Amino acid sequence: MQTRPLGTTGPQVSALGLGCMGMSALYGEADRAESIATIHAALEAGVTLLDTGDFYAMGHNEMLIGEALRAAPAALREQALTSVKFGALRDPDGGWSGYDGRPAAVRNFAAYSLQRLGVDHIDVYRIARLDPNVPIEETVGAIAELVEKGHVRHIGLSEVGAGSIRRAAATAPISDLQIEYSLISRGIEDEVLPTTRELGIGITAYGVLSRGLISGHFTADRQLAPTDFRSMSPRFQGENLQHNLSLVEALRKIAEQKGVSVAQIAIAWVLSRGEDIVPLVGARTRERLTEALGALDVTLDDADLGAIEQAVPADAAAGDRYPAAQMSHLGTDR
């Protein structure tokens, strides 16, 4: 498995990470046994980075990863690096109630995550979205205290803008920024990516297949459960969906010419953006994991990249990546 540095202050990690959220929440039913088998298969293939959030199904995802790690051979368990997001407030009905970045809350969230994961430290810890009522310096400072005590190894950020990145980095060393980045979500290229590169901060890119939209497997007639995030996502609605799937078909022609799948060429494109970018693949089954890992063997030359750019230009996607109410929490500078 190829490796990449997670910024100048973070660990060396596998070139692909496994995003485990879909094994617990937001994308319909998932099979627990298959989820655990997929985590084991990822570790066996050399994947080291396992990404989760303490609010994914209210702790279910962390407990799932903890179960998978306990059942894994010792050598594989020791290579696993946990990346955890915290701060989102939930209610018993599954609702969302904002974010809490107070230092006391940071310590509280971490205590529960360590217990659910069954580990003595979290490798990368980050607030999922900034708390509008708490300066980022206070939140990052609280994580830095956890680093000093050995409960956390590295500090990360999630979905923040260039100004917040600079303020966080002035407070404590930041390993990476987790943010959406894909062929149809390229907003980081103007300000965020130049800032992280200036400061030596890595990128862990989620949504590299745009929640399956550009995987090559999503069809216009697919019925989504009301609990599936995509049933509310603007990019999966009506004319937006039709337009976005037309982009996928244009990409499919390029993939077929190279003898690879649409998903593989989309992941390979993110990999080609720089050694400081680690794509997170949201595979929920071993079959999808195997397909995603095949992207590591895809080489894109200048002609390929030009053809991809022509097929799926920047800003070509129709619809925002989140519903309007959630967009206000993204890329915030305070």
C-alpha atoms as a PDB file:
ATOM      1  CA  MET A   1       0.000   0.000   0.000  1.00  0.00           C
ATOM      2  CA  GLN A   2       1.322   3.426  -0.929  1.00  0.00           C
ATOM      3  CA  THR A   3       1.651   5.946   1.897  1.00  0.00           C
ATOM      4  CA  ARG A   4       1.386   9.710   2.175  1.00  0.00           C
ATOM      5  CA  PRO A   5       2.282  12.195   4.928  1.00  0.00           C
ATOM      6  CA  LEU A   6      -0.664  13.675   6.809  1.00  0.00           C
ATOM      7  CA  GLY A   7       0.813  17.163   6.720  1.00  0.00           C
ATOM      8  CA  THR A   8       4.178  18.048   8.231  1.00  0.00           C
ATOM      9  CA  THR A   9       3.044  17.376  11.807  1.00  0.00           C
ATOM     10  CA  GLY A  10       0.887  14.278  11.304  1.00  0.00           C
ATOM     11  CA  PRO A  11       1.612  10.582  10.799  1.00  0.00           C
ATOM     12  CA  GLN A  12       2.436   8.732   7.599  1.00  0.00           C
ATOM     13  CA  VAL A  13      -0.804   7.114   6.465  1.00  0.00           C
ATOM     14  CA  SER A  14      -2.060   4.881   3.680  1.00  0.00           C
ATOM     15  CA  ALA A  15      -2.750   6.617   0.365  1.00  0.00           C
ATOM     16  CA  LEU A  16      -6.446   5.847   0.834  1.00  0.00           C
ATOM     17  CA  GLY A  17      -8.360   6.049   4.091  1.00  0.00           C
ATOM     18  CA  LEU A  18     -11.614   4.315   4.975  1.00  0.00           C
ATOM     19  CA  GLY A  19     -14.540   6.552   5.897  1.00  0.00           C
ATOM     20  CA  CYS A  20     -16.793   4.413   8.083  1.00  0.00           C
ATOM     21  CA  MET A  21     -19.835   6.689   8.490  1.00  0.00           C
ATOM     22  CA  GLY A  22     -22.021   4.848   5.980  1.00  0.00           C
ATOM     23  CA  MET A  23     -21.677   1.655   8.000  1.00  0.00           C
ATOM     24  CA  SER A  24     -23.862   3.231  10.678  1.00  0.00           C
ATOM     25  CA  ALA A  25     -25.818   6.201   9.415  1.00  0.00           C
ATOM     26  CA  LEU A  26     -27.197   8.443   6.674  1.00  0.00           C
ATOM     27  CA  TYR A  27     -27.074   6.023   3.716  1.00  0.00           C
ATOM     28  CA  GLY A  28     -29.733   3.471   4.577  1.00  0.00           C
ATOM     29  CA  GLU A  29     -29.369   0.068   6.180  1.00  0.00           C
ATOM     30  CA  ALA A  30     -25.916  -1.488   6.477  1.00  0.00           C
ATOM     31  CA  ASP A  31     -24.970  -5.039   7.387  1.00  0.00           C
ATOM     32  CA  ARG A  32     -22.947  -5.140  10.623  1.00  0.00           C
ATOM     33  CA  ALA A  33     -21.050  -8.331   9.796  1.00  0.00           C
ATOM     34  CA  GLU A  34     -20.178  -7.075   6.321  1.00  0.00           C
ATOM     35  CA  SER A  35     -19.113  -3.721   7.753  1.00  0.00           C
ATOM     36  CA  ILE A  36     -16.697  -5.390  10.150  1.00  0.00           C
ATOM     37  CA  ALA A  37     -15.431  -7.678   7.391  1.00  0.00           C
ATOM     38  CA  THR A  38     -14.844  -4.611   5.218  1.00  0.00           C
ATOM     39  CA  ILE A  39     -12.817  -2.897   7.956  1.00  0.00           C
ATOM     40  CA  HIS A  40     -10.743  -6.062   8.340  1.00  0.00           C
ATOM     41  CA  ALA A  41     -10.249  -6.321   4.574  1.00  0.00           C
ATOM     42  CA  ALA A  42      -9.120  -2.688   4.474  1.00  0.00           C
ATOM     43  CA  LEU A  43      -6.565  -3.275   7.230  1.00  0.00           C
ATOM     44  CA  GLU A  44      -5.341  -6.437   5.495  1.00  0.00           C
ATOM     45  CA  ALA A  45      -4.881  -4.444   2.275  1.00  0.00           C
ATOM     46  CA  GLY A  46      -2.695  -1.920   4.109  1.00  0.00           C
ATOM     47  CA  VAL A  47      -5.253   0.801   4.770  1.00  0.00           C
ATOM     48  CA  THR A  48      -4.278   2.452   8.038  1.00  0.00           C
ATOM     49  CA  LEU A  49      -6.606   5.445   8.425  1.00  0.00           C
ATOM     50  CA  LEU A  50     -10.111   4.772   9.801  1.00  0.00           C
ATOM     51  CA  ASP A  51     -12.320   7.859   9.921  1.00  0.00           C
ATOM     52  CA  THR A  52     -15.417   8.277  12.077  1.00  0.00           C
ATOM     53  CA  GLY A  53     -17.438  10.761  14.119  1.00  0.00           C
ATOM     54  CA  ASP A  54     -18.728  10.312  17.641  1.00  0.00           C
ATOM     55  CA  PHE A  55     -22.159  11.460  16.438  1.00  0.00           C
ATOM     56  CA  TYR A  56     -22.491   8.928  13.605  1.00  0.00           C
ATOM     57  CA  ALA A  57     -25.628   7.102  14.775  1.00  0.00           C
ATOM     58  CA  MET A  58     -24.932   8.469  18.267  1.00  0.00           C
ATOM     59  CA  GLY A  59     -21.797   6.447  18.958  1.00  0.00           C
ATOM     60  CA  HIS A  60     -22.740   3.352  16.951  1.00  0.00           C
ATOM     61  CA  ASN A  61     -19.963   3.889  14.414  1.00  0.00           C
ATOM     62  CA  GLU A  62     -17.253   4.192  17.053  1.00  0.00           C
ATOM     63  CA  MET A  63     -18.476   1.035  18.767  1.00  0.00           C
ATOM     64  CA  LEU A  64     -18.512  -0.754  15.410  1.00  0.00           C
ATOM     65  CA  ILE A  65     -14.896   0.238  14.752  1.00  0.00           C
ATOM     66  CA  GLY A  66     -13.983  -0.754  18.299  1.00  0.00           C
ATOM     67  CA  GLU A  67     -15.520  -4.187  17.753  1.00  0.00           C
ATOM     68  CA  ALA A  68     -13.682  -4.580  14.449  1.00  0.00           C
ATOM     69  CA  LEU A  69     -10.363  -3.613  16.030  1.00  0.00           C
ATOM     70  CA  ARG A  70     -10.794  -6.025  18.929  1.00  0.00           C
ATOM     71  CA  ALA A  71     -11.484  -8.869  16.480  1.00  0.00           C
ATOM     72  CA  ALA A  72      -8.555  -8.011  14.195  1.00  0.00           C
ATOM     73  CA  PRO A  73      -5.144  -9.676  14.520  1.00  0.00           C
ATOM     74  CA  ALA A  74      -2.804  -7.712  16.777  1.00  0.00           C
ATOM     75  CA  ALA A  75      -0.521  -6.609  13.923  1.00  0.00           C
ATOM     76  CA  LEU A  76      -3.441  -5.146  11.973  1.00  0.00           C
ATOM     77  CA  ARG A  77      -4.949  -3.557  15.061  1.00  0.00           C
ATOM     78  CA  GLU A  78      -1.667  -1.823  15.835  1.00  0.00           C
ATOM     79  CA  GLN A  79      -1.394  -0.315  12.344  1.00  0.00           C
ATOM     80  CA  ALA A  80      -4.858   1.261  12.532  1.00  0.00           C
ATOM     81  CA  LEU A  81      -4.988   5.029  12.996  1.00  0.00           C
ATOM     82  CA  THR A  82      -8.250   6.547  14.215  1.00  0.00           C
ATOM     83  CA  SER A  83      -9.511   9.903  12.969  1.00  0.00           C
ATOM     84  CA  VAL A  84     -12.470  11.178  15.000  1.00  0.00           C
ATOM     85  CA  LYS A  85     -14.771  14.157  14.559  1.00  0.00           C
ATOM     86  CA  PHE A  86     -16.697  15.503  17.536  1.00  0.00           C
ATOM     87  CA  GLY A  87     -18.923  18.394  18.529  1.00  0.00           C
ATOM     88  CA  ALA A  88     -22.241  17.714  16.777  1.00  0.00           C
ATOM     89  CA  LEU A  89     -25.184  17.726  19.161  1.00  0.00           C
ATOM     90  CA  ARG A  90     -27.930  15.166  18.573  1.00  0.00           C
ATOM     91  CA  ASP A  91     -31.272  14.290  20.135  1.00  0.00           C
ATOM     92  CA  PRO A  92     -33.080  10.949  20.677  1.00  0.00           C
ATOM     93  CA  ASP A  93     -35.095  11.452  17.502  1.00  0.00           C
ATOM     94  CA  GLY A  94     -31.951  11.765  15.396  1.00  0.00           C
ATOM     95  CA  GLY A  95     -32.160  15.545  15.115  1.00  0.00           C
ATOM     96  CA  TRP A  96     -29.265  17.978  15.007  1.00  0.00           C
ATOM     97  CA  SER A  97     -28.854  20.784  17.543  1.00  0.00           C
ATOM     98  CA  GLY A  98     -25.690  22.626  16.568  1.00  0.00           C
ATOM     99  CA  TYR A  99     -22.097  22.182  17.704  1.00  0.00           C
ATOM    100  CA  ASP A 100     -20.283  22.450  21.018  1.00  0.00           C
ATOM    101  CA  GLY A 101     -16.606  23.423  20.971  1.00  0.00           C
ATOM    102  CA  ARG A 102     -16.181  24.501  24.599  1.00  0.00           C
ATOM    103  CA  PRO A 103     -13.014  23.079  26.217  1.00  0.00           C
ATOM    104  CA  ALA A 104     -15.049  21.158  28.810  1.00  0.00           C
ATOM    105  CA  ALA A 105     -17.136  19.643  26.019  1.00  0.00           C
ATOM    106  CA  VAL A 106     -13.994  18.701  24.063  1.00  0.00           C
ATOM    107  CA  ARG A 107     -12.692  16.734  27.044  1.00  0.00           C
ATOM    108  CA  ASN A 108     -16.095  15.132  27.587  1.00  0.00           C
ATOM    109  CA  PHE A 109     -16.471  14.052  23.949  1.00  0.00           C
ATOM    110  CA  ALA A 110     -12.942  12.605  23.941  1.00  0.00           C
ATOM    111  CA  ALA A 111     -13.562  10.554  27.091  1.00  0.00           C
ATOM    112  CA  TYR A 112     -16.572   8.862  25.523  1.00  0.00           C
ATOM    113  CA  SER A 113     -14.814   8.252  22.202  1.00  0.00           C
ATOM    114  CA  LEU A 114     -11.840   6.582  23.857  1.00  0.00           C
ATOM    115  CA  GLN A 115     -14.209   4.238  25.684  1.00  0.00           C
ATOM    116  CA  ARG A 116     -16.336   3.376  22.647  1.00  0.00           C
ATOM    117  CA  LEU A 117     -13.328   2.793  20.407  1.00  0.00           C
ATOM    118  CA  GLY A 118     -11.540   0.795  23.075  1.00  0.00           C
ATOM    119  CA  VAL A 119      -8.244   2.622  22.501  1.00  0.00           C
ATOM    120  CA  ASP A 120      -5.880   4.523  24.782  1.00  0.00           C
ATOM    121  CA  HIS A 121      -5.496   7.411  22.369  1.00  0.00           C
ATOM    122  CA  ILE A 122      -7.119   8.971  19.279  1.00  0.00           C
ATOM    123  CA  ASP A 123      -4.685   9.563  16.440  1.00  0.00           C
ATOM    124  CA  VAL A 124      -6.367  12.619  14.885  1.00  0.00           C
ATOM    125  CA  TYR A 125      -9.080  14.583  16.691  1.00  0.00           C
ATOM    126  CA  ARG A 126     -11.121  17.430  15.217  1.00  0.00           C
ATOM    127  CA  ILE A 127     -14.356  19.321  15.723  1.00  0.00           C
ATOM    128  CA  ALA A 128     -16.745  18.491  12.888  1.00  0.00           C
ATOM    129  CA  ARG A 129     -17.882  22.088  12.379  1.00  0.00           C
ATOM    130  CA  LEU A 130     -16.923  25.243  14.226  1.00  0.00           C
ATOM    131  CA  ASP A 131     -19.026  26.289  17.193  1.00  0.00           C
ATOM    132  CA  PRO A 132     -20.143  29.866  16.388  1.00  0.00           C
ATOM    133  CA  ASN A 133     -20.063  30.712  20.087  1.00  0.00           C
ATOM    134  CA  VAL A 134     -16.528  29.512  20.817  1.00  0.00           C
ATOM    135  CA  PRO A 135     -13.327  30.926  19.262  1.00  0.00           C
ATOM    136  CA  ILE A 136     -11.439  28.282  17.329  1.00  0.00           C
ATOM    137  CA  GLU A 137      -8.385  29.022  19.476  1.00  0.00           C
ATOM    138  CA  GLU A 138     -10.210  27.724  22.546  1.00  0.00           C
ATOM    139  CA  THR A 139     -11.365  24.525  20.868  1.00  0.00           C
ATOM    140  CA  VAL A 140      -7.964  23.783  19.337  1.00  0.00           C
ATOM    141  CA  GLY A 141      -6.277  24.691  22.606  1.00  0.00           C
ATOM    142  CA  ALA A 142      -8.393  22.110  24.413  1.00  0.00           C
ATOM    143  CA  ILE A 143      -7.360  19.437  21.917  1.00  0.00           C
ATOM    144  CA  ALA A 144      -3.729  20.501  22.396  1.00  0.00           C
ATOM    145  CA  GLU A 145      -4.134  19.806  26.131  1.00  0.00           C
ATOM    146  CA  LEU A 146      -5.358  16.313  25.262  1.00  0.00           C
ATOM    147  CA  VAL A 147      -2.258  15.879  23.114  1.00  0.00           C
ATOM    148  CA  GLU A 148      -0.051  16.885  26.043  1.00  0.00           C
ATOM    149  CA  LYS A 149      -1.761  14.275  28.230  1.00  0.00           C
ATOM    150  CA  GLY A 150      -1.392  11.526  25.616  1.00  0.00           C
ATOM    151  CA  HIS A 151      -5.092  11.066  24.902  1.00  0.00           C
ATOM    152  CA  VAL A 152      -4.750  12.473  21.366  1.00  0.00           C
ATOM    153  CA  ARG A 153      -1.768  12.304  19.001  1.00  0.00           C
ATOM    154  CA  HIS A 154      -2.572  14.952  16.374  1.00  0.00           C
ATOM    155  CA  ILE A 155      -4.966  17.874  15.897  1.00  0.00           C
ATOM    156  CA  GLY A 156      -7.131  18.101  12.798  1.00  0.00           C
ATOM    157  CA  LEU A 157      -9.685  20.521  11.405  1.00  0.00           C
ATOM    158  CA  SER A 158     -12.896  19.965   9.453  1.00  0.00           C
ATOM    159  CA  GLU A 159     -14.762  22.124   6.948  1.00  0.00           C
ATOM    160  CA  VAL A 160     -13.227  25.493   7.789  1.00  0.00           C
ATOM    161  CA  GLY A 161     -12.043  28.372   5.633  1.00  0.00           C
ATOM    162  CA  ALA A 162      -8.578  29.839   5.137  1.00  0.00           C
ATOM    163  CA  GLY A 163      -8.845  32.387   7.956  1.00  0.00           C
ATOM    164  CA  SER A 164      -9.860  29.781  10.515  1.00  0.00           C
ATOM    165  CA  ILE A 165      -7.074  27.488   9.336  1.00  0.00           C
ATOM    166  CA  ARG A 166      -4.521  30.224   9.989  1.00  0.00           C
ATOM    167  CA  ARG A 167      -5.916  30.986  13.439  1.00  0.00           C
ATOM    168  CA  ALA A 168      -5.934  27.324  14.385  1.00  0.00           C
ATOM    169  CA  ALA A 169      -2.384  26.806  13.124  1.00  0.00           C
ATOM    170  CA  ALA A 170      -1.205  29.806  15.156  1.00  0.00           C
ATOM    171  CA  THR A 171      -2.605  28.121  18.267  1.00  0.00           C
ATOM    172  CA  ALA A 172      -1.156  24.607  17.874  1.00  0.00           C
ATOM    173  CA  PRO A 173       0.325  22.333  15.186  1.00  0.00           C
ATOM    174  CA  ILE A 174      -2.409  21.115  12.812  1.00  0.00           C
ATOM    175  CA  SER A 175      -1.935  17.826  10.966  1.00  0.00           C
ATOM    176  CA  ASP A 176      -4.723  17.986   8.420  1.00  0.00           C
ATOM    177  CA  LEU A 177      -7.979  19.496   7.274  1.00  0.00           C
ATOM    178  CA  GLN A 178     -10.835  17.149   6.477  1.00  0.00           C
ATOM    179  CA  ILE A 179     -13.022  18.641   3.775  1.00  0.00           C
ATOM    180  CA  GLU A 180     -15.067  17.553   0.784  1.00  0.00           C
ATOM    181  CA  TYR A 181     -13.090  17.347  -2.439  1.00  0.00           C
ATOM    182  CA  SER A 182     -13.987  15.572  -5.647  1.00  0.00           C
ATOM    183  CA  LEU A 183     -14.337  16.151  -9.356  1.00  0.00           C
ATOM    184  CA  ILE A 184     -17.640  17.923  -8.703  1.00  0.00           C
ATOM    185  CA  SER A 185     -16.711  19.583  -5.375  1.00  0.00           C
ATOM    186  CA  ARG A 186     -13.630  21.697  -6.052  1.00  0.00           C
ATOM    187  CA  GLY A 187     -14.255  24.720  -3.870  1.00  0.00           C
ATOM    188  CA  ILE A 188     -11.065  24.237  -1.866  1.00  0.00           C
ATOM    189  CA  GLU A 189      -8.847  24.958  -4.856  1.00  0.00           C
ATOM    190  CA  ASP A 190      -9.095  28.760  -4.724  1.00  0.00           C
ATOM    191  CA  GLU A 191      -8.145  29.620  -1.119  1.00  0.00           C
ATOM    192  CA  VAL A 192      -8.196  26.622   1.193  1.00  0.00           C
ATOM    193  CA  LEU A 193      -5.728  24.369  -0.608  1.00  0.00           C
ATOM    194  CA  PRO A 194      -3.116  27.114  -1.130  1.00  0.00           C
ATOM    195  CA  THR A 195      -3.391  27.956   2.578  1.00  0.00           C
ATOM    196  CA  THR A 196      -2.951  24.373   3.785  1.00  0.00           C
ATOM    197  CA  ARG A 197       0.020  23.923   1.477  1.00  0.00           C
ATOM    198  CA  GLU A 198       1.609  27.133   2.713  1.00  0.00           C
ATOM    199  CA  LEU A 199       1.237  25.945   6.309  1.00  0.00           C
ATOM    200  CA  GLY A 200       2.199  22.304   5.739  1.00  0.00           C
ATOM    201  CA  ILE A 201      -1.265  20.967   6.582  1.00  0.00           C
ATOM    202  CA  GLY A 202      -2.515  17.844   4.804  1.00  0.00           C
ATOM    203  CA  ILE A 203      -5.964  17.235   3.339  1.00  0.00           C
ATOM    204  CA  THR A 204      -8.133  14.226   4.076  1.00  0.00           C
ATOM    205  CA  ALA A 205     -10.710  14.444   1.303  1.00  0.00           C
ATOM    206  CA  TYR A 206     -14.149  13.024   1.967  1.00  0.00           C
ATOM    207  CA  GLY A 207     -16.958  12.710  -0.576  1.00  0.00           C
ATOM    208  CA  VAL A 208     -14.529  11.736  -3.330  1.00  0.00           C
ATOM    209  CA  LEU A 209     -17.414   9.915  -5.054  1.00  0.00           C
ATOM    210  CA  SER A 210     -19.890  12.596  -3.965  1.00  0.00           C
ATOM    211  CA  ARG A 211     -21.880  10.109  -1.844  1.00  0.00           C
ATOM    212  CA  GLY A 212     -22.057   7.641  -4.697  1.00  0.00           C
ATOM    213  CA  LEU A 213     -23.277  10.181  -7.249  1.00  0.00           C
ATOM    214  CA  ILE A 214     -20.146   9.878  -9.394  1.00  0.00           C
ATOM    215  CA  SER A 215     -19.406   6.249  -8.545  1.00  0.00           C
ATOM    216  CA  GLY A 216     -20.905   4.983 -11.788  1.00  0.00           C
ATOM    217  CA  HIS A 217     -23.365   2.854  -9.811  1.00  0.00           C
ATOM    218  CA  PHE A 218     -26.093   5.402  -9.023  1.00  0.00           C
ATOM    219  CA  THR A 219     -29.107   5.497 -11.338  1.00  0.00           C
ATOM    220  CA  ALA A 220     -31.878   8.040 -11.783  1.00  0.00           C
ATOM    221  CA  ASP A 221     -34.588   5.554 -10.822  1.00  0.00           C
ATOM    222  CA  ARG A 222     -33.019   4.536  -7.526  1.00  0.00           C
ATOM    223  CA  GLN A 223     -35.408   4.833  -4.593  1.00  0.00           C
ATOM    224  CA  LEU A 224     -33.869   6.352  -1.472  1.00  0.00           C
ATOM    225  CA  ALA A 225     -35.149   5.822   2.050  1.00  0.00           C
ATOM    226  CA  PRO A 226     -36.317   8.959   3.911  1.00  0.00           C
ATOM    227  CA  THR A 227     -33.418   8.461   6.347  1.00  0.00           C
ATOM    228  CA  ASP A 228     -30.888   8.464   3.498  1.00  0.00           C
ATOM    229  CA  PHE A 229     -29.055  11.808   3.405  1.00  0.00           C
ATOM    230  CA  ARG A 230     -29.199  11.801  -0.377  1.00  0.00           C
ATOM    231  CA  SER A 231     -32.990  12.030  -0.343  1.00  0.00           C
ATOM    232  CA  MET A 232     -32.507  15.616   0.900  1.00  0.00           C
ATOM    233  CA  SER A 233     -29.302  16.484  -0.960  1.00  0.00           C
ATOM    234  CA  PRO A 234     -29.824  19.077  -3.733  1.00  0.00           C
ATOM    235  CA  ARG A 235     -27.503  17.226  -6.086  1.00  0.00           C
ATOM    236  CA  PHE A 236     -29.759  14.162  -6.035  1.00  0.00           C
ATOM    237  CA  GLN A 237     -32.982  16.023  -6.828  1.00  0.00           C
ATOM    238  CA  GLY A 238     -34.900  16.242 -10.110  1.00  0.00           C
ATOM    239  CA  GLU A 239     -33.145  18.078 -12.920  1.00  0.00           C
ATOM    240  CA  ASN A 240     -30.000  18.421 -10.806  1.00  0.00           C
ATOM    241  CA  LEU A 241     -29.691  14.651 -10.657  1.00  0.00           C
ATOM    242  CA  GLN A 242     -30.252  14.254 -14.387  1.00  0.00           C
ATOM    243  CA  HIS A 243     -27.584  16.855 -15.145  1.00  0.00           C
ATOM    244  CA  ASN A 244     -25.082  15.344 -12.715  1.00  0.00           C
ATOM    245  CA  LEU A 245     -25.588  11.836 -14.058  1.00  0.00           C
ATOM    246  CA  SER A 246     -24.869  13.188 -17.543  1.00  0.00           C
ATOM    247  CA  LEU A 247     -21.466  14.235 -16.218  1.00  0.00           C
ATOM    248  CA  VAL A 248     -20.970  10.703 -14.941  1.00  0.00           C
ATOM    249  CA  GLU A 249     -21.724   9.294 -18.387  1.00  0.00           C
ATOM    250  CA  ALA A 250     -19.125  11.593 -19.918  1.00  0.00           C
ATOM    251  CA  LEU A 251     -16.646  10.360 -17.325  1.00  0.00           C
ATOM    252  CA  ARG A 252     -17.625   6.760 -18.011  1.00  0.00           C
ATOM    253  CA  LYS A 253     -16.436   7.041 -21.605  1.00  0.00           C
ATOM    254  CA  ILE A 254     -12.966   8.025 -20.402  1.00  0.00           C
ATOM    255  CA  ALA A 255     -12.929   5.261 -17.803  1.00  0.00           C
ATOM    256  CA  GLU A 256     -13.915   2.648 -20.383  1.00  0.00           C
ATOM    257  CA  GLN A 257     -11.126   3.764 -22.694  1.00  0.00           C
ATOM    258  CA  LYS A 258      -8.662   3.129 -19.867  1.00  0.00           C
ATOM    259  CA  GLY A 259     -10.283  -0.141 -18.860  1.00  0.00           C
ATOM    260  CA  VAL A 260     -11.201   1.040 -15.365  1.00  0.00           C
ATOM    261  CA  SER A 261     -14.420   1.839 -13.536  1.00  0.00           C
ATOM    262  CA  VAL A 262     -15.944   5.284 -13.107  1.00  0.00           C
ATOM    263  CA  ALA A 263     -15.299   5.130  -9.368  1.00  0.00           C
ATOM    264  CA  GLN A 264     -11.664   4.252  -9.917  1.00  0.00           C
ATOM    265  CA  ILE A 265     -11.022   7.125 -12.285  1.00  0.00           C
ATOM    266  CA  ALA A 266     -12.804   9.566  -9.936  1.00  0.00           C
ATOM    267  CA  ILE A 267     -10.693   8.426  -6.972  1.00  0.00           C
ATOM    268  CA  ALA A 268      -7.534   8.422  -9.098  1.00  0.00           C
ATOM    269  CA  TRP A 269      -8.250  12.037 -10.050  1.00  0.00           C
ATOM    270  CA  VAL A 270      -8.274  13.069  -6.376  1.00  0.00           C
ATOM    271  CA  LEU A 271      -5.076  11.084  -5.795  1.00  0.00           C
ATOM    272  CA  SER A 272      -3.475  12.962  -8.688  1.00  0.00           C
ATOM    273  CA  ARG A 273      -4.101  16.346  -7.054  1.00  0.00           C
ATOM    274  CA  GLY A 274      -1.070  16.047  -4.761  1.00  0.00           C
ATOM    275  CA  GLU A 275       0.824  13.918  -2.266  1.00  0.00           C
ATOM    276  CA  ASP A 276      -0.676  16.013   0.528  1.00  0.00           C
ATOM    277  CA  ILE A 277      -4.205  14.747  -0.227  1.00  0.00           C
ATOM    278  CA  VAL A 278      -5.509  11.460   1.200  1.00  0.00           C
ATOM    279  CA  PRO A 279      -8.906  10.423  -0.197  1.00  0.00           C
ATOM    280  CA  LEU A 280     -11.355   8.784   2.200  1.00  0.00           C
ATOM    281  CA  VAL A 281     -13.414   6.096   0.476  1.00  0.00           C
ATOM    282  CA  GLY A 282     -16.795   5.328   1.995  1.00  0.00           C
ATOM    283  CA  ALA A 283     -16.922   1.645   1.048  1.00  0.00           C
ATOM    284  CA  ARG A 284     -19.518  -0.285   3.049  1.00  0.00           C
ATOM    285  CA  THR A 285     -18.800  -3.661   1.467  1.00  0.00           C
ATOM    286  CA  ARG A 286     -15.708  -5.617   0.519  1.00  0.00           C
ATOM    287  CA  GLU A 287     -16.767  -5.448  -3.130  1.00  0.00           C
ATOM    288  CA  ARG A 288     -16.792  -1.654  -3.136  1.00  0.00           C
ATOM    289  CA  LEU A 289     -13.560  -1.570  -1.134  1.00  0.00           C
ATOM    290  CA  THR A 290     -11.818  -3.753  -3.710  1.00  0.00           C
ATOM    291  CA  GLU A 291     -12.998  -1.448  -6.482  1.00  0.00           C
ATOM    292  CA  ALA A 292     -11.758   1.630  -4.617  1.00  0.00           C
ATOM    293  CA  LEU A 293      -8.344   0.101  -3.934  1.00  0.00           C
ATOM    294  CA  GLY A 294      -7.990  -0.507  -7.665  1.00  0.00           C
ATOM    295  CA  ALA A 295      -7.717   3.276  -8.091  1.00  0.00           C
ATOM    296  CA  LEU A 296      -4.203   3.042  -6.676  1.00  0.00           C
ATOM    297  CA  ASP A 297      -3.145   1.258  -9.869  1.00  0.00           C
ATOM    298  CA  VAL A 298      -4.644   3.890 -12.189  1.00  0.00           C
ATOM    299  CA  THR A 299      -2.165   6.331 -13.704  1.00  0.00           C
ATOM    300  CA  LEU A 300      -3.550   9.507 -15.237  1.00  0.00           C
ATOM    301  CA  ASP A 301      -1.317  11.279 -17.749  1.00  0.00           C
ATOM    302  CA  ASP A 302      -1.752  14.828 -19.010  1.00  0.00           C
ATOM    303  CA  ALA A 303      -4.025  13.690 -21.824  1.00  0.00           C
ATOM    304  CA  ASP A 304      -6.242  11.809 -19.363  1.00  0.00           C
ATOM    305  CA  LEU A 305      -6.441  14.771 -17.012  1.00  0.00           C
ATOM    306  CA  GLY A 306      -7.306  17.079 -19.897  1.00  0.00           C
ATOM    307  CA  ALA A 307     -10.077  14.768 -21.046  1.00  0.00           C
ATOM    308  CA  ILE A 308     -11.460  14.520 -17.512  1.00  0.00           C
ATOM    309  CA  GLU A 309     -11.395  18.290 -17.158  1.00  0.00           C
ATOM    310  CA  GLN A 310     -13.303  18.668 -20.403  1.00  0.00           C
ATOM    311  CA  ALA A 311     -15.868  16.033 -19.407  1.00  0.00           C
ATOM    312  CA  VAL A 312     -16.375  17.365 -15.885  1.00  0.00           C
ATOM    313  CA  PRO A 313     -15.240  21.007 -15.673  1.00  0.00           C
ATOM    314  CA  ALA A 314     -14.903  22.756 -12.332  1.00  0.00           C
ATOM    315  CA  ASP A 315     -18.289  24.024 -11.098  1.00  0.00           C
ATOM    316  CA  ALA A 316     -20.080  21.711 -13.540  1.00  0.00           C
ATOM    317  CA  ALA A 317     -22.262  20.078 -10.882  1.00  0.00           C
ATOM    318  CA  ALA A 318     -25.854  21.185 -10.410  1.00  0.00           C
ATOM    319  CA  GLY A 319     -26.991  21.813  -6.837  1.00  0.00           C
ATOM    320  CA  ASP A 320     -25.208  22.491  -3.559  1.00  0.00           C
ATOM    321  CA  ARG A 321     -23.487  19.640  -1.773  1.00  0.00           C
ATOM    322  CA  TYR A 322     -25.664  20.079   1.348  1.00  0.00           C
ATOM    323  CA  PRO A 323     -29.206  21.355   1.978  1.00  0.00           C
ATOM    324  CA  ALA A 324     -29.328  25.123   2.529  1.00  0.00           C
ATOM    325  CA  ALA A 325     -29.635  24.882   6.324  1.00  0.00           C
ATOM    326  CA  GLN A 326     -26.359  22.956   6.550  1.00  0.00           C
ATOM    327  CA  MET A 327     -24.400  25.037   4.050  1.00  0.00           C
ATOM    328  CA  SER A 328     -24.145  27.869   6.598  1.00  0.00           C
ATOM    329  CA  HIS A 329     -21.866  25.693   8.752  1.00  0.00           C
ATOM    330  CA  LEU A 330     -19.314  25.067   6.005  1.00  0.00           C
ATOM    331  CA  GLY A 331     -16.073  26.908   5.349  1.00  0.00           C
ATOM    332  CA  THR A 332     -16.757  29.392   8.145  1.00  0.00           C
ATOM    333  CA  ASP A 333     -14.067  31.900   9.134  1.00  0.00           C
ATOM    334  CA  ARG A 334     -14.152  33.296  12.637  1.00  0.00           C
END
